[in-house]
């Protein structure tokens, strides 16, 4: 699951999402207007195991008012 969630890491929507999803993005990233509201998640209730190989926020605002986030993930069966 990925996208602009328009909610900060400590918000109620994020608390609800984190019951079923693990955030791969860093909650300290300031992806839009000085706060983190853009996320990439992995489902915690699946038969897959995830390993983060690389993660990055790209500080480039030419195309959007949000900084792009990039996560390279390894996926394997449990």
PDB file of N, CA and C in Angstrom:
ATOM      1  N   UNK A   1       0.867  -1.163   0.000  1.00  0.00           N
ATOM      2  CA  UNK A   1       0.000   0.000   0.000  1.00  0.00           C
ATOM      3  C   UNK A   1       0.908   1.219   0.000  1.00  0.00           C
ATOM      4  N   UNK A   2       0.638   2.190  -0.876  1.00  0.00           N
ATOM      5  CA  UNK A   2       1.485   3.382  -0.947  1.00  0.00           C
ATOM      6  C   UNK A   2       0.660   4.591  -1.341  1.00  0.00           C
ATOM      7  N   UNK A   3       1.070   5.739  -0.848  1.00  0.00           N
ATOM      8  CA  UNK A   3       0.417   6.959  -1.296  1.00  0.00           C
ATOM      9  C   UNK A   3       0.511   8.104  -0.320  1.00  0.00           C
ATOM     10  N   UNK A   4      -0.103   9.201  -0.726  1.00  0.00           N
ATOM     11  CA  UNK A   4      -0.236  10.403   0.086  1.00  0.00           C
ATOM     12  C   UNK A   4      -1.432  10.183   1.003  1.00  0.00           C
ATOM     13  N   UNK A   5      -1.176   9.951   2.272  1.00  0.00           N
ATOM     14  CA  UNK A   5      -2.246   9.621   3.207  1.00  0.00           C
ATOM     15  C   UNK A   5      -2.821  10.854   3.922  1.00  0.00           C
ATOM     16  N   UNK A   6      -2.181  12.017   3.745  1.00  0.00           N
ATOM     17  CA  UNK A   6      -2.645  13.260   4.374  1.00  0.00           C
ATOM     18  C   UNK A   6      -2.859  13.111   5.879  1.00  0.00           C
ATOM     19  N   UNK A   7      -2.016  12.317   6.512  1.00  0.00           N
ATOM     20  CA  UNK A   7      -2.087  12.165   7.966  1.00  0.00           C
ATOM     21  C   UNK A   7      -0.681  11.952   8.508  1.00  0.00           C
ATOM     22  N   UNK A   8      -0.415  12.571   9.647  1.00  0.00           N
ATOM     23  CA  UNK A   8       0.908  12.476  10.271  1.00  0.00           C
ATOM     24  C   UNK A   8       1.044  11.139  10.991  1.00  0.00           C
ATOM     25  N   UNK A   9       2.288  10.710  11.259  1.00  0.00           N
ATOM     26  CA  UNK A   9       2.505   9.396  11.875  1.00  0.00           C
ATOM     27  C   UNK A   9       1.757   9.149  13.183  1.00  0.00           C
ATOM     28  N   UNK A  10       1.498  10.189  13.960  1.00  0.00           N
ATOM     29  CA  UNK A  10       0.830  10.019  15.258  1.00  0.00           C
ATOM     30  C   UNK A  10      -0.692  10.149  15.184  1.00  0.00           C
ATOM     31  N   UNK A  11      -1.245  10.347  13.992  1.00  0.00           N
ATOM     32  CA  UNK A  11      -2.685  10.546  13.837  1.00  0.00           C
ATOM     33  C   UNK A  11      -3.464   9.236  14.002  1.00  0.00           C
ATOM     34  N   UNK A  12      -4.744   9.371  14.232  1.00  0.00           N
ATOM     35  CA  UNK A  12      -5.609   8.195  14.391  1.00  0.00           C
ATOM     36  C   UNK A  12      -5.660   7.339  13.129  1.00  0.00           C
ATOM     37  N   UNK A  13      -5.771   7.942  11.926  1.00  0.00           N
ATOM     38  CA  UNK A  13      -5.744   7.094  10.731  1.00  0.00           C
ATOM     39  C   UNK A  13      -4.473   6.252  10.615  1.00  0.00           C
ATOM     40  N   UNK A  14      -3.331   6.814  10.983  1.00  0.00           N
ATOM     41  CA  UNK A  14      -2.085   6.060  10.920  1.00  0.00           C
ATOM     42  C   UNK A  14      -2.055   4.951  11.964  1.00  0.00           C
ATOM     43  N   UNK A  15      -2.596   5.204  13.130  1.00  0.00           N
ATOM     44  CA  UNK A  15      -2.658   4.166  14.164  1.00  0.00           C
ATOM     45  C   UNK A  15      -3.509   2.989  13.688  1.00  0.00           C
ATOM     46  N   UNK A  16      -4.611   3.290  13.002  1.00  0.00           N
ATOM     47  CA  UNK A  16      -5.491   2.245  12.486  1.00  0.00           C
ATOM     48  C   UNK A  16      -4.784   1.465  11.373  1.00  0.00           C
ATOM     49  N   UNK A  17      -4.153   2.177  10.438  1.00  0.00           N
ATOM     50  CA  UNK A  17      -3.432   1.513   9.350  1.00  0.00           C
ATOM     51  C   UNK A  17      -2.339   0.593   9.870  1.00  0.00           C
ATOM     52  N   UNK A  18      -1.643   1.011  10.916  1.00  0.00           N
ATOM     53  CA  UNK A  18      -0.513   0.241  11.438  1.00  0.00           C
ATOM     54  C   UNK A  18      -0.941  -1.032  12.170  1.00  0.00           C
ATOM     55  N   UNK A  19      -2.234  -1.232  12.350  1.00  0.00           N
ATOM     56  CA  UNK A  19      -2.716  -2.501  12.904  1.00  0.00           C
ATOM     57  C   UNK A  19      -2.606  -3.620  11.871  1.00  0.00           C
ATOM     58  N   UNK A  20      -2.668  -3.261  10.577  1.00  0.00           N
ATOM     59  CA  UNK A  20      -2.619  -4.257   9.510  1.00  0.00           C
ATOM     60  C   UNK A  20      -1.431  -4.082   8.564  1.00  0.00           C
ATOM     61  N   UNK A  21      -0.757  -2.933   8.643  1.00  0.00           N
ATOM     62  CA  UNK A  21       0.344  -2.643   7.738  1.00  0.00           C
ATOM     63  C   UNK A  21       1.563  -2.142   8.498  1.00  0.00           C
ATOM     64  N   UNK A  22       2.734  -2.533   8.001  1.00  0.00           N
ATOM     65  CA  UNK A  22       3.993  -2.052   8.561  1.00  0.00           C
ATOM     66  C   UNK A  22       4.527  -0.950   7.648  1.00  0.00           C
ATOM     67  N   UNK A  23       4.814   0.247   8.196  1.00  0.00           N
ATOM     68  CA  UNK A  23       5.348   1.307   7.345  1.00  0.00           C
ATOM     69  C   UNK A  23       6.827   1.059   7.030  1.00  0.00           C
ATOM     70  N   UNK A  24       7.176   1.132   5.757  1.00  0.00           N
ATOM     71  CA  UNK A  24       8.575   1.026   5.356  1.00  0.00           C
ATOM     72  C   UNK A  24       9.235   2.394   5.309  1.00  0.00           C
ATOM     73  N   UNK A  25       8.457   3.419   5.086  1.00  0.00           N
ATOM     74  CA  UNK A  25       9.001   4.771   5.031  1.00  0.00           C
ATOM     75  C   UNK A  25       9.369   5.237   6.433  1.00  0.00           C
ATOM     76  N   UNK A  26      10.254   6.180   6.501  1.00  0.00           N
ATOM     77  CA  UNK A  26      10.735   6.725   7.767  1.00  0.00           C
ATOM     78  C   UNK A  26       9.785   7.836   8.209  1.00  0.00           C
ATOM     79  N   UNK A  27       9.192   7.717   9.381  1.00  0.00           N
ATOM     80  CA  UNK A  27       8.209   8.701   9.845  1.00  0.00           C
ATOM     81  C   UNK A  27       8.826  10.065  10.158  1.00  0.00           C
ATOM     82  N   UNK A  28      10.140  10.166  10.163  1.00  0.00           N
ATOM     83  CA  UNK A  28      10.785  11.468  10.387  1.00  0.00           C
ATOM     84  C   UNK A  28      10.994  12.231   9.077  1.00  0.00           C
ATOM     85  N   UNK A  29      10.754  11.569   7.946  1.00  0.00           N
ATOM     86  CA  UNK A  29      10.879  12.269   6.663  1.00  0.00           C
ATOM     87  C   UNK A  29       9.840  13.376   6.584  1.00  0.00           C
ATOM     88  N   UNK A  30      10.232  14.505   6.070  1.00  0.00           N
ATOM     89  CA  UNK A  30       9.323  15.630   5.874  1.00  0.00           C
ATOM     90  C   UNK A  30       8.951  15.666   4.397  1.00  0.00           C
ATOM     91  N   UNK A  31       7.944  14.888   4.036  1.00  0.00           N
ATOM     92  CA  UNK A  31       7.613  14.685   2.629  1.00  0.00           C
ATOM     93  C   UNK A  31       6.772  15.805   2.024  1.00  0.00           C
ATOM     94  N   UNK A  32       6.094  16.593   2.857  1.00  0.00           N
ATOM     95  CA  UNK A  32       5.260  17.686   2.357  1.00  0.00           C
ATOM     96  C   UNK A  32       5.084  18.743   3.441  1.00  0.00           C
ATOM     97  N   UNK A  33       5.469  19.949   3.135  1.00  0.00           N
ATOM     98  CA  UNK A  33       5.279  21.093   4.031  1.00  0.00           C
ATOM     99  C   UNK A  33       5.760  20.823   5.455  1.00  0.00           C
ATOM    100  N   UNK A  34       6.907  20.183   5.588  1.00  0.00           N
ATOM    101  CA  UNK A  34       7.535  19.996   6.888  1.00  0.00           C
ATOM    102  C   UNK A  34       7.030  18.845   7.724  1.00  0.00           C
ATOM    103  N   UNK A  35       6.228  17.955   7.156  1.00  0.00           N
ATOM    104  CA  UNK A  35       5.737  16.804   7.911  1.00  0.00           C
ATOM    105  C   UNK A  35       5.694  15.566   7.017  1.00  0.00           C
ATOM    106  N   UNK A  36       5.545  14.413   7.632  1.00  0.00           N
ATOM    107  CA  UNK A  36       5.466  13.158   6.893  1.00  0.00           C
ATOM    108  C   UNK A  36       4.008  12.791   6.682  1.00  0.00           C
ATOM    109  N   UNK A  37       3.579  12.766   5.394  1.00  0.00           N
ATOM    110  CA  UNK A  37       2.211  12.339   5.080  1.00  0.00           C
ATOM    111  C   UNK A  37       2.184  11.354   3.910  1.00  0.00           C
ATOM    112  N   UNK A  38       3.353  10.968   3.414  1.00  0.00           N
ATOM    113  CA  UNK A  38       3.461  10.039   2.292  1.00  0.00           C
ATOM    114  C   UNK A  38       4.117   8.749   2.786  1.00  0.00           C
ATOM    115  N   UNK A  39       3.508   7.614   2.489  1.00  0.00           N
ATOM    116  CA  UNK A  39       3.944   6.357   3.080  1.00  0.00           C
ATOM    117  C   UNK A  39       3.970   5.217   2.071  1.00  0.00           C
ATOM    118  N   UNK A  40       4.792   4.219   2.367  1.00  0.00           N
ATOM    119  CA  UNK A  40       4.766   2.934   1.678  1.00  0.00           C
ATOM    120  C   UNK A  40       4.701   1.874   2.776  1.00  0.00           C
ATOM    121  N   UNK A  41       3.740   0.954   2.665  1.00  0.00           N
ATOM    122  CA  UNK A  41       3.490  -0.065   3.691  1.00  0.00           C
ATOM    123  C   UNK A  41       3.587  -1.472   3.119  1.00  0.00           C
ATOM    124  N   UNK A  42       3.805  -2.424   3.998  1.00  0.00           N
ATOM    125  CA  UNK A  42       3.673  -3.841   3.683  1.00  0.00           C
ATOM    126  C   UNK A  42       2.640  -4.441   4.615  1.00  0.00           C
ATOM    127  N   UNK A  43       1.885  -5.377   4.110  1.00  0.00           N
ATOM    128  CA  UNK A  43       0.838  -6.020   4.903  1.00  0.00           C
ATOM    129  C   UNK A  43       1.472  -6.941   5.950  1.00  0.00           C
ATOM    130  N   UNK A  44       1.077  -6.797   7.195  1.00  0.00           N
ATOM    131  CA  UNK A  44       1.642  -7.618   8.264  1.00  0.00           C
ATOM    132  C   UNK A  44       0.982  -8.989   8.348  1.00  0.00           C
ATOM    133  N   UNK A  45      -0.230  -9.121   7.828  1.00  0.00           N
ATOM    134  CA  UNK A  45      -0.972 -10.393   7.897  1.00  0.00           C
ATOM    135  C   UNK A  45      -0.890 -11.127   6.570  1.00  0.00           C
ATOM    136  N   UNK A  46       0.314 -11.387   6.118  1.00  0.00           N
ATOM    137  CA  UNK A  46       0.470 -12.078   4.838  1.00  0.00           C
ATOM    138  C   UNK A  46       1.447 -13.238   4.997  1.00  0.00           C
ATOM    139  N   UNK A  47       1.600 -13.995   3.952  1.00  0.00           N
ATOM    140  CA  UNK A  47       2.546 -15.104   3.944  1.00  0.00           C
ATOM    141  C   UNK A  47       3.924 -14.662   3.459  1.00  0.00           C
ATOM    142  N   UNK A  48       4.140 -13.356   3.427  1.00  0.00           N
ATOM    143  CA  UNK A  48       5.402 -12.842   2.918  1.00  0.00           C
ATOM    144  C   UNK A  48       6.233 -12.186   4.003  1.00  0.00           C
ATOM    145  N   UNK A  49       7.521 -12.267   3.835  1.00  0.00           N
ATOM    146  CA  UNK A  49       8.483 -11.614   4.710  1.00  0.00           C
ATOM    147  C   UNK A  49       9.161 -10.533   3.869  1.00  0.00           C
ATOM    148  N   UNK A  50       9.266  -9.345   4.419  1.00  0.00           N
ATOM    149  CA  UNK A  50       9.852  -8.222   3.706  1.00  0.00           C
ATOM    150  C   UNK A  50      11.199  -7.854   4.310  1.00  0.00           C
ATOM    151  N   UNK A  51      12.116  -7.442   3.470  1.00  0.00           N
ATOM    152  CA  UNK A  51      13.372  -6.879   3.955  1.00  0.00           C
ATOM    153  C   UNK A  51      13.666  -5.624   3.137  1.00  0.00           C
ATOM    154  N   UNK A  52      13.877  -4.524   3.838  1.00  0.00           N
ATOM    155  CA  UNK A  52      14.146  -3.255   3.176  1.00  0.00           C
ATOM    156  C   UNK A  52      15.600  -3.241   2.724  1.00  0.00           C
ATOM    157  N   UNK A  53      15.792  -3.097   1.430  1.00  0.00           N
ATOM    158  CA  UNK A  53      17.134  -3.072   0.837  1.00  0.00           C
ATOM    159  C   UNK A  53      17.649  -1.642   0.716  1.00  0.00           C
ATOM    160  N   UNK A  54      16.745  -0.726   0.444  1.00  0.00           N
ATOM    161  CA  UNK A  54      17.119   0.678   0.279  1.00  0.00           C
ATOM    162  C   UNK A  54      15.880   1.521   0.494  1.00  0.00           C
ATOM    163  N   UNK A  55      16.038   2.664   1.144  1.00  0.00           N
ATOM    164  CA  UNK A  55      14.927   3.598   1.263  1.00  0.00           C
ATOM    165  C   UNK A  55      15.456   5.013   1.184  1.00  0.00           C
ATOM    166  N   UNK A  56      14.646   5.871   0.558  1.00  0.00           N
ATOM    167  CA  UNK A  56      15.136   7.209   0.302  1.00  0.00           C
ATOM    168  C   UNK A  56      13.967   8.162   0.067  1.00  0.00           C
ATOM    169  N   UNK A  57      14.113   9.365   0.573  1.00  0.00           N
ATOM    170  CA  UNK A  57      13.229  10.457   0.212  1.00  0.00           C
ATOM    171  C   UNK A  57      14.033  11.346  -0.724  1.00  0.00           C
ATOM    172  N   UNK A  58      13.464  11.661  -1.880  1.00  0.00           N
ATOM    173  CA  UNK A  58      14.175  12.439  -2.883  1.00  0.00           C
ATOM    174  C   UNK A  58      13.751  13.900  -2.756  1.00  0.00           C
ATOM    175  N   UNK A  59      14.690  14.747  -2.365  1.00  0.00           N
ATOM    176  CA  UNK A  59      14.371  16.165  -2.171  1.00  0.00           C
ATOM    177  C   UNK A  59      14.356  16.891  -3.518  1.00  0.00           C
ATOM    178  N   UNK A  60      13.234  16.744  -4.221  1.00  0.00           N
ATOM    179  CA  UNK A  60      13.052  17.332  -5.542  1.00  0.00           C
ATOM    180  C   UNK A  60      11.596  17.712  -5.687  1.00  0.00           C
ATOM    181  N   UNK A  61      11.306  19.003  -5.800  1.00  0.00           N
ATOM    182  CA  UNK A  61       9.918  19.469  -5.820  1.00  0.00           C
ATOM    183  C   UNK A  61       9.497  20.061  -7.162  1.00  0.00           C
ATOM    184  N   UNK A  62      10.172  19.731  -8.234  1.00  0.00           N
ATOM    185  CA  UNK A  62       9.792  20.308  -9.518  1.00  0.00           C
ATOM    186  C   UNK A  62       8.424  19.802  -9.978  1.00  0.00           C
ATOM    187  N   UNK A  63       8.149  18.529  -9.824  1.00  0.00           N
ATOM    188  CA  UNK A  63       6.915  17.934 -10.339  1.00  0.00           C
ATOM    189  C   UNK A  63       5.754  17.987  -9.346  1.00  0.00           C
ATOM    190  N   UNK A  64       6.032  18.191  -8.055  1.00  0.00           N
ATOM    191  CA  UNK A  64       4.985  18.118  -7.044  1.00  0.00           C
ATOM    192  C   UNK A  64       5.388  18.910  -5.810  1.00  0.00           C
ATOM    193  N   UNK A  65       4.417  19.197  -4.952  1.00  0.00           N
ATOM    194  CA  UNK A  65       4.729  19.823  -3.664  1.00  0.00           C
ATOM    195  C   UNK A  65       5.141  18.779  -2.630  1.00  0.00           C
ATOM    196  N   UNK A  66       5.169  17.516  -3.020  1.00  0.00           N
ATOM    197  CA  UNK A  66       5.607  16.412  -2.161  1.00  0.00           C
ATOM    198  C   UNK A  66       6.956  15.901  -2.639  1.00  0.00           C
ATOM    199  N   UNK A  67       7.796  15.514  -1.689  1.00  0.00           N
ATOM    200  CA  UNK A  67       9.033  14.829  -2.057  1.00  0.00           C
ATOM    201  C   UNK A  67       8.700  13.364  -2.354  1.00  0.00           C
ATOM    202  N   UNK A  68       9.221  12.822  -3.451  1.00  0.00           N
ATOM    203  CA  UNK A  68       9.004  11.394  -3.726  1.00  0.00           C
ATOM    204  C   UNK A  68       9.703  10.519  -2.695  1.00  0.00           C
ATOM    205  N   UNK A  69       9.104   9.382  -2.389  1.00  0.00           N
ATOM    206  CA  UNK A  69       9.734   8.395  -1.516  1.00  0.00           C
ATOM    207  C   UNK A  69       9.978   7.126  -2.330  1.00  0.00           C
ATOM    208  N   UNK A  70      11.095   6.468  -2.040  1.00  0.00           N
ATOM    209  CA  UNK A  70      11.513   5.280  -2.780  1.00  0.00           C
ATOM    210  C   UNK A  70      11.923   4.215  -1.789  1.00  0.00           C
ATOM    211  N   UNK A  71      11.375   3.027  -1.959  1.00  0.00           N
ATOM    212  CA  UNK A  71      11.740   1.889  -1.113  1.00  0.00           C
ATOM    213  C   UNK A  71      12.022   0.701  -2.034  1.00  0.00           C
ATOM    214  N   UNK A  72      13.165   0.078  -1.842  1.00  0.00           N
ATOM    215  CA  UNK A  72      13.465  -1.176  -2.553  1.00  0.00           C
ATOM    216  C   UNK A  72      13.349  -2.290  -1.528  1.00  0.00           C
ATOM    217  N   UNK A  73      12.442  -3.222  -1.786  1.00  0.00           N
ATOM    218  CA  UNK A  73      12.100  -4.256  -0.805  1.00  0.00           C
ATOM    219  C   UNK A  73      12.338  -5.638  -1.375  1.00  0.00           C
ATOM    220  N   UNK A  74      12.925  -6.490  -0.565  1.00  0.00           N
ATOM    221  CA  UNK A  74      13.025  -7.921  -0.897  1.00  0.00           C
ATOM    222  C   UNK A  74      11.812  -8.620  -0.313  1.00  0.00           C
ATOM    223  N   UNK A  75      11.229  -9.520  -1.078  1.00  0.00           N
ATOM    224  CA  UNK A  75      10.040 -10.242  -0.616  1.00  0.00           C
ATOM    225  C   UNK A  75      10.306 -11.742  -0.728  1.00  0.00           C
ATOM    226  N   UNK A  76      10.005 -12.456   0.338  1.00  0.00           N
ATOM    227  CA  UNK A  76      10.131 -13.916   0.313  1.00  0.00           C
ATOM    228  C   UNK A  76       8.960 -14.526   1.082  1.00  0.00           C
ATOM    229  N   UNK A  77       8.738 -15.794   0.844  1.00  0.00           N
ATOM    230  CA  UNK A  77       7.669 -16.495   1.578  1.00  0.00           C
ATOM    231  C   UNK A  77       8.133 -16.798   2.992  1.00  0.00           C
ATOM    232  N   UNK A  78       7.211 -16.795   3.921  1.00  0.00           N
ATOM    233  CA  UNK A  78       7.548 -17.125   5.319  1.00  0.00           C
ATOM    234  C   UNK A  78       7.754 -18.606   5.461  1.00  0.00           C
TER     235      UNK A  78
END
